[in-house]
N, C-alpha and C. Protein backbone atom coordinates (compact mmCIF):
# COMPACT_ATOMS: atom_id res chain seq x y z
N UNK A 1 -22.71 18.95 -1.55
CA UNK A 1 -22.35 17.83 -0.39
C UNK A 1 -22.97 16.25 -0.69
N UNK A 2 -24.14 15.98 -1.46
CA UNK A 2 -24.62 14.80 -1.55
C UNK A 2 -24.53 14.19 -2.99
N UNK A 3 -24.44 15.60 -3.49
CA UNK A 3 -23.74 15.26 -5.30
C UNK A 3 -22.26 14.89 -5.16
N UNK A 4 -21.48 15.15 -4.51
CA UNK A 4 -19.85 15.10 -4.08
C UNK A 4 -19.80 13.59 -3.96
N UNK A 5 -20.58 13.20 -3.17
CA UNK A 5 -20.69 11.83 -2.12
C UNK A 5 -21.19 11.05 -3.19
N UNK A 6 -22.06 10.91 -4.09
CA UNK A 6 -22.30 10.40 -5.21
C UNK A 6 -21.19 9.86 -5.86
N UNK A 7 -21.05 10.84 -6.49
CA UNK A 7 -19.61 10.95 -7.81
C UNK A 7 -18.35 10.06 -6.96
N UNK A 8 -18.04 10.75 -5.43
CA UNK A 8 -16.99 9.89 -5.27
C UNK A 8 -17.20 8.32 -5.24
N UNK A 9 -18.51 7.86 -4.69
CA UNK A 9 -18.92 6.80 -4.77
C UNK A 9 -17.80 5.93 -5.85
N UNK A 10 -18.82 6.59 -6.98
CA UNK A 10 -18.98 6.20 -8.32
C UNK A 10 -17.21 6.00 -8.73
N UNK A 11 -16.47 6.92 -8.20
CA UNK A 11 -15.20 6.84 -8.44
C UNK A 11 -14.27 5.94 -8.32
N UNK A 12 -14.74 5.98 -6.61
CA UNK A 12 -13.86 4.71 -5.70
C UNK A 12 -14.36 3.40 -6.49
N UNK A 13 -15.77 3.24 -6.60
CA UNK A 13 -16.10 1.55 -7.21
C UNK A 13 -15.44 1.57 -8.74
N UNK A 14 -15.26 2.77 -9.66
CA UNK A 14 -14.95 2.55 -10.69
C UNK A 14 -13.66 1.52 -11.25
N UNK A 15 -13.55 0.80 -12.19
CA UNK A 15 -12.26 0.06 -12.50
C UNK A 15 -10.81 0.50 -12.98
N UNK A 16 -11.24 1.75 -13.41
CA UNK A 16 -10.31 2.62 -13.92
C UNK A 16 -10.12 4.10 -12.66
N UNK A 17 -9.22 3.65 -11.88
CA UNK A 17 -8.79 4.90 -10.73
C UNK A 17 -8.41 5.77 -11.21
N UNK A 18 -8.25 6.16 -12.74
CA UNK A 18 -7.76 7.56 -13.03
C UNK A 18 -9.68 8.32 -12.85
N UNK A 19 -10.47 7.92 -12.54
CA UNK A 19 -11.59 8.67 -12.22
C UNK A 19 -11.23 9.07 -10.71
N UNK A 20 -10.70 8.22 -9.72
CA UNK A 20 -10.77 9.30 -8.61
C UNK A 20 -10.05 10.50 -8.84
N UNK A 21 -8.66 10.39 -10.05
CA UNK A 21 -7.96 11.29 -9.86
C UNK A 21 -8.59 12.64 -10.54
N UNK A 22 -9.38 12.16 -11.48
CA UNK A 22 -10.19 13.74 -12.19
C UNK A 22 -10.94 14.08 -11.34
N UNK A 23 -11.80 13.16 -10.08
CA UNK A 23 -12.79 13.73 -8.90
C UNK A 23 -11.79 15.06 -8.53
N UNK A 24 -10.28 14.60 -7.67
CA UNK A 24 -9.43 15.01 -6.79
C UNK A 24 -9.35 17.00 -7.57
N UNK A 25 -9.46 16.48 -9.06
CA UNK A 25 -9.16 17.69 -9.66
C UNK A 25 -10.02 18.57 -9.83
N UNK A 26 -11.04 18.09 -9.37
CA UNK A 26 -12.23 19.19 -9.14
C UNK A 26 -12.29 20.24 -7.50
N UNK A 27 -13.78 20.37 -7.02
CA UNK A 27 -13.71 21.18 -5.80
C UNK A 27 -14.10 19.48 -5.17
N UNK A 28 -13.55 19.60 -4.38
CA UNK A 28 -14.64 18.85 -3.07
C UNK A 28 -14.10 19.22 -1.93
N UNK A 29 -14.32 20.43 -1.68
CA UNK A 29 -14.57 21.42 -0.67
C UNK A 29 -15.47 20.99 -0.05
N UNK A 30 -16.58 20.78 -0.32
CA UNK A 30 -18.27 20.54 0.63
C UNK A 30 -17.66 19.15 0.95
N UNK A 31 -16.89 18.53 0.87
CA UNK A 31 -16.39 17.66 1.95
C UNK A 31 -14.88 17.44 2.52
N UNK A 32 -14.34 18.36 2.97
CA UNK A 32 -12.84 18.70 3.50
C UNK A 32 -11.90 17.65 4.15
N UNK A 33 -12.62 16.13 4.33
CA UNK A 33 -11.51 15.79 4.44
C UNK A 33 -11.72 14.27 3.51
N UNK A 34 -12.35 14.49 2.38
CA UNK A 34 -12.35 13.58 0.95
C UNK A 34 -11.16 13.28 0.31
N UNK A 35 -10.77 14.85 0.13
CA UNK A 35 -9.65 14.85 -0.96
C UNK A 35 -8.15 14.16 -0.13
N UNK A 36 -7.85 14.29 0.75
CA UNK A 36 -6.79 13.69 1.23
C UNK A 36 -7.14 12.65 1.97
N UNK A 37 -8.43 11.94 2.21
CA UNK A 37 -8.32 10.15 2.02
C UNK A 37 -7.83 9.43 0.81
N UNK A 38 -8.89 10.27 -0.24
CA UNK A 38 -8.97 9.38 -1.68
C UNK A 38 -7.41 9.61 -1.93
N UNK A 39 -6.56 10.38 -1.63
CA UNK A 39 -4.90 11.12 -1.95
C UNK A 39 -4.36 9.36 -1.28
N UNK A 40 -4.77 9.65 -0.24
CA UNK A 40 -4.16 8.65 0.44
C UNK A 40 -4.87 7.03 0.05
N UNK A 41 -5.53 6.47 -0.41
CA UNK A 41 -6.23 5.46 -0.89
C UNK A 41 -5.25 5.42 -2.22
N UNK A 42 -5.05 6.21 -3.13
CA UNK A 42 -3.71 6.06 -4.24
C UNK A 42 -2.45 5.86 -3.65
N UNK A 43 -2.05 6.10 -2.65
CA UNK A 43 -0.59 5.82 -1.72
C UNK A 43 -0.92 4.10 -1.86
N UNK A 44 -2.30 3.14 -1.91
CA UNK A 44 -1.99 2.12 -1.69
C UNK A 44 -1.24 1.53 -3.00
N UNK A 45 -1.64 2.08 -4.01
CA UNK A 45 -1.17 0.96 -5.11
C UNK A 45 0.09 1.11 -5.02
N UNK A 46 0.18 0.04 -5.68
CA UNK A 46 1.92 -0.07 -6.14
C UNK A 46 2.79 0.45 -6.77
N UNK A 47 3.39 0.68 -5.67
CA UNK A 47 4.93 1.89 -6.80
C UNK A 47 5.36 1.56 -8.03
N UNK A 48 5.81 2.51 -8.34
CA UNK A 48 6.90 2.21 -10.12
C UNK A 48 7.76 1.37 -9.56
N UNK A 49 8.35 2.21 -8.11
CA UNK A 49 9.88 1.59 -7.66
C UNK A 49 9.32 0.61 -6.72
N UNK A 50 9.46 -0.27 -6.93
CA UNK A 50 9.29 -1.87 -5.91
C UNK A 50 8.22 -2.31 -5.56
N UNK A 51 7.53 -1.86 -6.40
CA UNK A 51 6.22 -2.65 -6.33
C UNK A 51 5.26 -3.15 -4.78
N UNK A 52 5.79 -1.97 -4.02
CA UNK A 52 4.66 -1.89 -2.82
C UNK A 52 3.81 -0.79 -2.50
N UNK A 53 2.96 -0.71 -1.85
CA UNK A 53 2.28 0.49 -1.79
C UNK A 53 2.78 1.34 -0.56
N UNK A 54 2.72 2.32 -0.30
CA UNK A 54 3.03 3.23 0.97
C UNK A 54 2.83 2.04 2.23
N UNK A 55 2.08 1.98 2.59
CA UNK A 55 1.48 1.15 3.65
C UNK A 55 3.22 0.10 3.68
N UNK A 56 3.20 -0.82 2.71
CA UNK A 56 3.90 -1.85 3.04
C UNK A 56 5.44 -0.90 3.09
N UNK A 57 5.38 0.14 2.34
CA UNK A 57 7.18 0.73 2.31
C UNK A 57 7.23 1.38 3.81
N UNK A 58 6.44 2.16 4.39
CA UNK A 58 6.91 1.92 5.63
C UNK A 58 6.95 1.07 6.31
N UNK A 59 6.29 -0.38 6.31
CA UNK A 59 6.61 -1.09 7.11
C UNK A 59 8.11 -1.81 6.91
N UNK A 60 8.18 -1.87 5.77
CA UNK A 60 9.63 -2.92 5.18
C UNK A 60 10.93 -1.24 5.87
N UNK A 61 10.43 0.05 5.89
CA UNK A 61 11.31 1.10 5.98
C UNK A 61 11.40 0.87 7.85
N UNK A 62 10.49 0.22 8.81
CA UNK A 62 10.59 0.43 9.87
C UNK A 62 11.61 -1.04 10.36
N UNK A 63 11.01 -1.99 9.66
CA UNK A 63 11.90 -3.13 9.75
C UNK A 63 13.64 -2.91 9.45
N UNK A 64 13.90 -2.41 8.15
CA UNK A 64 15.28 -1.78 8.38
C UNK A 64 16.03 -0.85 8.71
N UNK A 65 14.77 0.01 9.55
CA UNK A 65 15.57 0.91 10.62
C UNK A 65 15.48 -0.26 11.87
N UNK A 66 15.65 -1.28 11.53
CA UNK A 66 15.98 -2.40 13.48
C UNK A 66 14.71 -2.64 14.21
N UNK A 67 13.69 -1.99 13.85
CA UNK A 67 12.36 -2.74 14.73
C UNK A 67 11.64 -3.65 14.09
N UNK A 68 11.65 -4.70 15.25
CA UNK A 68 11.61 -6.25 14.77
C UNK A 68 10.03 -6.50 15.33
N UNK A 69 9.48 -6.18 16.27
CA UNK A 69 8.27 -6.53 16.95
C UNK A 69 6.98 -5.84 16.46
N UNK A 70 6.21 -6.26 16.06
CA UNK A 70 4.72 -6.14 15.09
C UNK A 70 4.10 -4.72 15.57
N UNK A 71 4.38 -4.37 16.91
CA UNK A 71 3.56 -3.44 17.65
C UNK A 71 4.46 -2.57 17.22
N UNK A 72 5.74 -2.56 17.27
CA UNK A 72 6.57 -1.14 16.99
C UNK A 72 7.00 -0.45 15.90
N UNK A 73 6.76 -1.88 14.81
CA UNK A 73 6.19 -1.40 13.39
C UNK A 73 5.21 -0.52 12.91
N UNK A 74 4.24 -1.20 13.75
CA UNK A 74 2.72 -0.79 13.40
C UNK A 74 2.74 0.89 14.65
N UNK A 75 3.17 1.03 15.32
CA UNK A 75 3.52 2.47 15.85
C UNK A 75 4.42 3.19 14.63
N UNK A 76 5.88 3.12 14.43
CA UNK A 76 6.32 3.93 13.66
C UNK A 76 5.46 4.21 11.89
N UNK A 77 4.95 3.10 11.79
CA UNK A 77 4.12 3.65 10.64
C UNK A 77 3.30 4.51 10.95
N UNK A 78 2.54 4.47 11.66
CA UNK A 78 1.58 5.61 12.08
C UNK A 78 1.91 6.60 12.27
N UNK A 79 2.66 7.06 12.72
CA UNK A 79 3.71 8.04 13.08
C UNK A 79 4.01 8.81 11.34
N UNK A 80 4.08 7.63 10.42
CA UNK A 80 4.24 8.84 9.76
C UNK A 80 3.40 8.57 8.28
N UNK A 81 2.03 8.82 9.23
CA UNK A 81 0.43 9.04 8.40
C UNK A 81 0.07 10.63 8.91
N UNK A 82 0.25 11.22 8.05
CA UNK A 82 -0.83 12.72 8.24
C UNK A 82 -1.88 12.70 9.26
N UNK A 83 -2.58 11.71 8.97
CA UNK A 83 -3.97 11.54 9.59
C UNK A 83 -4.08 9.85 9.89
N UNK A 84 -3.34 9.54 11.12
CA UNK A 84 -3.51 7.86 10.83
C UNK A 84 -5.01 7.23 10.83
N UNK A 85 -5.24 5.79 10.09
CA UNK A 85 -6.36 5.38 10.09
C UNK A 85 -6.64 4.36 9.99
N UNK A 86 -5.32 3.33 10.14
CA UNK A 86 -5.61 2.14 10.02
C UNK A 86 -5.13 1.54 11.14
N UNK A 87 -5.83 0.73 11.57
CA UNK A 87 -5.71 -0.17 12.77
C UNK A 87 -4.76 -1.26 12.99
N UNK A 88 -4.62 -1.89 14.20
CA UNK A 88 -3.05 -2.81 14.06
C UNK A 88 -3.55 -4.23 13.28
N UNK A 89 -4.61 -4.67 13.42
CA UNK A 89 -5.20 -5.96 12.65
C UNK A 89 -5.39 -5.60 11.36
N UNK A 90 -5.31 -4.55 10.74
CA UNK A 90 -5.39 -4.10 8.89
C UNK A 90 -3.76 -4.21 8.93
N UNK A 91 -3.43 -3.73 10.03
CA UNK A 91 -1.94 -3.05 9.27
C UNK A 91 -1.03 -4.72 9.40
N UNK A 92 -1.78 -5.39 10.88
CA UNK A 92 -0.70 -6.70 10.56
C UNK A 92 -1.25 -7.73 8.93
N UNK A 93 -2.38 -7.54 8.78
CA UNK A 93 -2.98 -8.13 7.61
C UNK A 93 -1.56 -7.96 6.73
N UNK A 94 -1.43 -6.90 6.34
CA UNK A 94 -0.37 -6.23 5.37
C UNK A 94 1.04 -6.59 6.01
N UNK A 95 1.21 -6.82 6.86
CA UNK A 95 2.59 -7.44 7.25
C UNK A 95 2.73 -8.85 6.86
N UNK A 96 1.63 -9.55 7.31
CA UNK A 96 1.58 -10.90 6.70
C UNK A 96 1.66 -11.15 5.45
N UNK A 97 0.93 -10.19 4.77
CA UNK A 97 1.29 -10.30 3.11
C UNK A 97 2.41 -10.29 2.29
N UNK A 98 3.63 -9.45 3.33
CA UNK A 98 4.73 -8.93 3.23
C UNK A 98 5.74 -10.12 3.36
N UNK A 99 5.08 -10.90 4.48
CA UNK A 99 5.95 -12.15 4.59
C UNK A 99 5.26 -13.31 4.23
N UNK A 100 4.36 -13.10 3.11
CA UNK A 100 3.92 -14.58 2.55
C UNK A 100 4.70 -14.61 1.08
N UNK A 101 3.82 -15.55 0.63
CA UNK A 101 3.97 -15.65 -0.96
C UNK A 101 5.28 -16.19 -1.72
N UNK A 102 5.74 -16.39 -2.66
CA UNK A 102 6.83 -17.54 -3.12
C UNK A 102 8.36 -16.80 -2.73
N UNK A 103 7.92 -15.13 -2.88
CA UNK A 103 9.53 -14.38 -2.58
C UNK A 103 9.12 -13.45 -1.63
N UNK A 104 9.14 -13.57 -0.08
CA UNK A 104 8.30 -12.93 0.72
C UNK A 104 9.85 -11.87 1.04
N UNK A 105 9.28 -10.67 1.55
CA UNK A 105 9.97 -9.65 1.39
C UNK A 105 10.54 -9.11 3.41
N UNK A 106 9.33 -10.07 3.85
CA UNK A 106 10.39 -10.10 5.63
C UNK A 106 10.17 -11.54 5.87
N UNK A 107 10.46 -12.11 7.14
CA UNK A 107 10.18 -13.58 7.81
C UNK A 107 9.89 -12.63 9.06
N UNK A 108 8.83 -13.82 9.21
CA UNK A 108 8.24 -14.00 10.86
C UNK A 108 8.19 -15.12 11.55
N UNK A 109 8.72 -14.58 12.81
CA UNK A 109 9.19 -16.01 13.45
C UNK A 109 8.87 -15.30 14.75
N UNK A 110 8.15 -16.88 15.56
CA UNK A 110 8.19 -18.05 15.00
C UNK A 110 6.86 -18.58 14.33
N UNK A 111 6.01 -17.91 14.04
CA UNK A 111 4.82 -18.00 13.66
C UNK A 111 4.08 -16.95 13.10
N UNK A 112 4.11 -16.74 11.38
CA UNK A 112 3.55 -15.83 10.99
C UNK A 112 1.88 -15.62 11.08
N UNK A 113 1.27 -16.68 11.28
CA UNK A 113 0.46 -16.67 11.96
C UNK A 113 -0.07 -15.85 13.24
N UNK A 114 0.71 -15.80 14.43
CA UNK A 114 1.04 -15.61 15.55
C UNK A 114 1.91 -14.04 15.63
N UNK A 115 1.34 -12.91 15.06
CA UNK A 115 2.45 -11.71 15.21
C UNK A 115 2.60 -11.47 16.69
N UNK A 116 1.77 -11.88 17.93
CA UNK A 116 2.04 -11.53 19.13
C UNK A 116 3.17 -12.37 19.51
N UNK A 117 4.44 -11.59 20.01
CA UNK A 117 6.11 -12.10 20.16
C UNK A 117 6.34 -12.73 19.02
N UNK A 118 6.25 -12.58 17.73
CA UNK A 118 7.26 -12.91 16.64
C UNK A 118 8.00 -11.72 16.88
N UNK A 119 9.13 -12.09 15.96
CA UNK A 119 10.28 -11.07 15.15
C UNK A 119 9.59 -10.71 13.65
N UNK A 120 10.19 -10.35 12.94
CA UNK A 120 10.41 -9.55 11.79
C UNK A 120 11.20 -9.21 11.54
N UNK A 121 11.74 -9.53 10.47
CA UNK A 121 13.04 -9.56 9.68
C UNK A 121 13.29 -9.23 8.24
N UNK A 122 13.96 -8.77 7.78
CA UNK A 122 13.90 -8.50 5.67
C UNK A 122 14.67 -9.71 5.37
N UNK A 123 14.11 -10.03 4.41
CA UNK A 123 14.76 -11.07 3.79
C UNK A 123 15.36 -10.46 2.74
N UNK A 124 16.36 -11.20 1.91
CA UNK A 124 16.81 -10.45 1.06
C UNK A 124 16.43 -9.89 -0.09
N UNK A 125 15.23 -10.29 -0.70
CA UNK A 125 14.10 -9.77 -1.31
C UNK A 125 13.56 -8.40 -1.04
N UNK A 126 13.56 -7.99 0.62
CA UNK A 126 12.47 -7.30 1.31
C UNK A 126 13.79 -5.99 1.31
N UNK A 127 15.12 -6.40 1.46
CA UNK A 127 16.33 -5.49 1.78
C UNK A 127 16.24 -4.85 -0.22
N UNK A 128 16.68 -5.58 -1.70
CA UNK A 128 16.38 -5.46 -2.73
C UNK A 128 14.95 -4.27 -3.23
N UNK A 129 13.96 -4.05 -2.46
CA UNK A 129 12.65 -2.91 -2.94
C UNK A 129 13.53 -1.83 -2.56
N UNK A 130 13.76 -1.51 -1.84
CA UNK A 130 14.29 -0.07 -1.58
C UNK A 130 15.04 0.38 -2.35
N UNK A 131 16.52 -0.59 -2.64
CA UNK A 131 17.42 -0.16 -3.45
C UNK A 131 17.09 -0.36 -4.84
N UNK A 132 15.75 -0.88 -5.25
CA UNK A 132 15.94 -1.09 -6.43
C UNK A 132 16.18 -1.92 -7.62
N UNK A 133 16.40 -2.93 -6.59
CA UNK A 133 16.83 -4.19 -7.28
C UNK A 133 15.68 -5.75 -7.32
N UNK A 134 15.05 -5.14 -6.45
CA UNK A 134 13.87 -5.54 -6.58
C UNK A 134 12.37 -5.50 -6.67
N UNK A 135 11.15 -5.92 -7.66
CA UNK A 135 10.25 -5.36 -7.40
C UNK A 135 9.14 -6.23 -7.29
N UNK A 136 8.85 -6.58 -6.34
CA UNK A 136 7.65 -7.46 -5.77
C UNK A 136 6.98 -8.07 -6.19
N UNK A 137 6.18 -7.23 -7.29
CA UNK A 137 4.50 -7.91 -7.84
C UNK A 137 5.52 -8.59 -9.20
N UNK A 138 6.75 -8.24 -9.67
CA UNK A 138 7.25 -8.55 -10.55
C UNK A 138 7.60 -10.09 -10.02
N UNK A 139 8.20 -10.13 -8.79
CA UNK A 139 8.74 -11.99 -8.25
C UNK A 139 7.86 -12.42 -8.24
N UNK A 140 6.72 -11.67 -7.30
CA UNK A 140 5.92 -12.32 -6.84
C UNK A 140 4.37 -12.50 -7.18
N UNK A 141 4.19 -12.03 -7.92
CA UNK A 141 2.92 -11.24 -8.40
C UNK A 141 1.66 -10.89 -7.34
N UNK A 142 0.65 -10.40 -8.07
CA UNK A 142 -0.48 -9.66 -6.57
C UNK A 142 -1.72 -9.92 -7.10
N UNK A 143 -2.92 -9.84 -6.13
CA UNK A 143 -3.99 -10.32 -5.99
C UNK A 143 -4.94 -9.61 -4.71
N UNK A 144 -4.98 -8.75 -5.21
CA UNK A 144 -6.06 -7.42 -4.19
C UNK A 144 -6.86 -6.49 -4.84
N UNK A 145 -7.65 -6.30 -4.31
CA UNK A 145 -8.85 -4.90 -4.47
C UNK A 145 -8.56 -3.54 -4.10
N UNK A 146 -8.82 -2.42 -4.92
CA UNK A 146 -8.32 -1.06 -4.36
C UNK A 146 -9.55 -0.63 -4.86
N UNK A 147 -10.69 -0.12 -4.41
CA UNK A 147 -11.59 0.16 -4.31
C UNK A 147 -12.44 -0.99 -5.31
N UNK A 148 -12.75 -0.15 -6.75
CA UNK A 148 -13.37 -1.03 -7.84
C UNK A 148 -12.04 -1.88 -8.65
N UNK A 149 -10.84 -1.50 -8.31
CA UNK A 149 -9.70 -1.93 -9.33
C UNK A 149 -9.28 -3.30 -8.66
N UNK A 150 -9.50 -4.68 -9.39
CA UNK A 150 -8.81 -5.58 -9.24
C UNK A 150 -7.37 -5.28 -9.60
N UNK A 151 -6.16 -5.64 -8.88
CA UNK A 151 -4.73 -5.95 -9.70
C UNK A 151 -4.38 -7.25 -9.03
N UNK A 152 -4.31 -8.04 -10.05
CA UNK A 152 -4.39 -9.61 -10.21
C UNK A 152 -3.33 -9.74 -11.21
N UNK A 153 -2.09 -11.04 -10.89
CA UNK A 153 -1.24 -11.68 -11.84
C UNK A 153 0.32 -10.84 -11.56
N UNK A 154 0.88 -11.30 -12.35
CA UNK A 154 2.14 -10.90 -12.77
C UNK A 154 2.69 -9.54 -12.95
N UNK A 155 1.47 -8.75 -13.36
CA UNK A 155 1.53 -7.02 -13.85
C UNK A 155 0.10 -6.36 -12.46
N UNK A 156 0.77 -4.97 -12.24
CA UNK A 156 -0.30 -5.13 -11.08
C UNK A 156 -1.38 -4.01 -12.34
N UNK A 157 -1.35 -3.62 -13.35
CA UNK A 157 -1.84 -2.85 -14.07
C UNK A 157 -2.34 -1.65 -14.04
N UNK A 158 -1.93 -1.19 -12.29
CA UNK A 158 -1.75 0.17 -12.41
C UNK A 158 -0.96 0.12 -10.97
N UNK A 159 -0.04 1.27 -11.57
CA UNK A 159 0.84 1.49 -10.10
C UNK A 159 0.77 3.34 -9.88
N UNK A 160 1.24 2.93 -9.07
CA UNK A 160 1.64 4.83 -8.39
C UNK A 160 2.95 5.55 -8.89
N UNK A 161 3.23 6.28 -9.50
CA UNK A 161 4.59 7.36 -9.72
C UNK A 161 4.77 7.80 -8.23
N UNK A 162 5.67 8.06 -7.50
CA UNK A 162 5.42 9.04 -6.47
C UNK A 162 6.08 10.60 -6.81
N UNK A 163 6.54 9.84 -8.08
CA UNK A 163 7.68 11.71 -8.25
C UNK A 163 6.71 12.44 -8.60
N UNK A 164 5.20 11.38 -9.76
CA UNK A 164 4.62 12.47 -10.27
C UNK A 164 3.22 12.53 -9.54
N UNK A 165 3.07 11.87 -8.24
CA UNK A 165 1.88 11.75 -7.53
C UNK A 165 0.66 11.47 -8.69
N UNK A 166 1.13 10.48 -9.19
CA UNK A 166 -0.32 9.77 -10.28
C UNK A 166 0.65 8.40 -10.76
N UNK A 167 -1.23 8.13 -11.00
CA UNK A 167 -1.05 6.65 -11.40
C UNK A 167 -0.80 6.21 -12.56
N UNK A 168 -0.01 5.41 -12.66
CA UNK A 168 0.49 4.94 -14.72
C UNK A 168 -0.01 3.65 -15.07
N UNK A 169 -0.54 2.92 -15.89
CA UNK A 169 -0.56 1.87 -16.34
C UNK A 169 0.65 1.44 -16.44
N UNK A 170 0.82 0.08 -15.88
CA UNK A 170 1.80 -0.57 -15.41
C UNK A 170 1.86 -1.57 -16.76
N UNK A 171 2.23 -1.22 -18.24
CA UNK A 171 2.33 -1.87 -19.50
C UNK A 171 3.20 -2.91 -19.61
N UNK A 172 4.65 -2.48 -18.72
CA UNK A 172 5.51 -3.26 -18.96
C UNK A 172 5.31 -5.28 -19.00
C-alpha cells in the first residue's frame, strides 16, 4: 500500500500526466478507491471537444437543460457523478470561471461574485461548446494546475479524448 501511495503521489505531481495513465495500467488494488479517483481527476483535463472539463461540461449541460439557480446546477452535476467528491464552494469556483474571461460561457446576474440569488444563463459561446462550434480554450485561453500539470495560454498542452478515454497532446 505504501509503495503504491508513493508511486501515485509521484505520478500525480508529475508535469507529464501520462504518468497517471501508466500508473492506472498497473495493479492499484491495494488502494481500492485510487483508480476511480485518478480516472475522475483525468476527466478534469479539457476535452478535445469544446475545451472544457467534465465538471464544466456538466454545469453547462445543466444550464442548457433550463437550470439557472447555482444550487440546482450544483445538485444536478453531483447527481451525474459516480462518487460525488466536490463541495459547492469549489463547484462555484468552476461556475464563476465559466462566467469569466474575454468570452464567458455563462452569464451570472446580477453579481458574478455573489452566487446566492444569482441566475445563470448560457451565452452564445456557451451554447457553441456542446454544439462543437466553440472551443473555449481557443477563444479564451487557460491558466490552471491539475496536479503537477500546468495548462496555460492559448493551448492546453494536454486534453482528454473522451472517446478513447485517454489524454492527448494538444499540438494544434
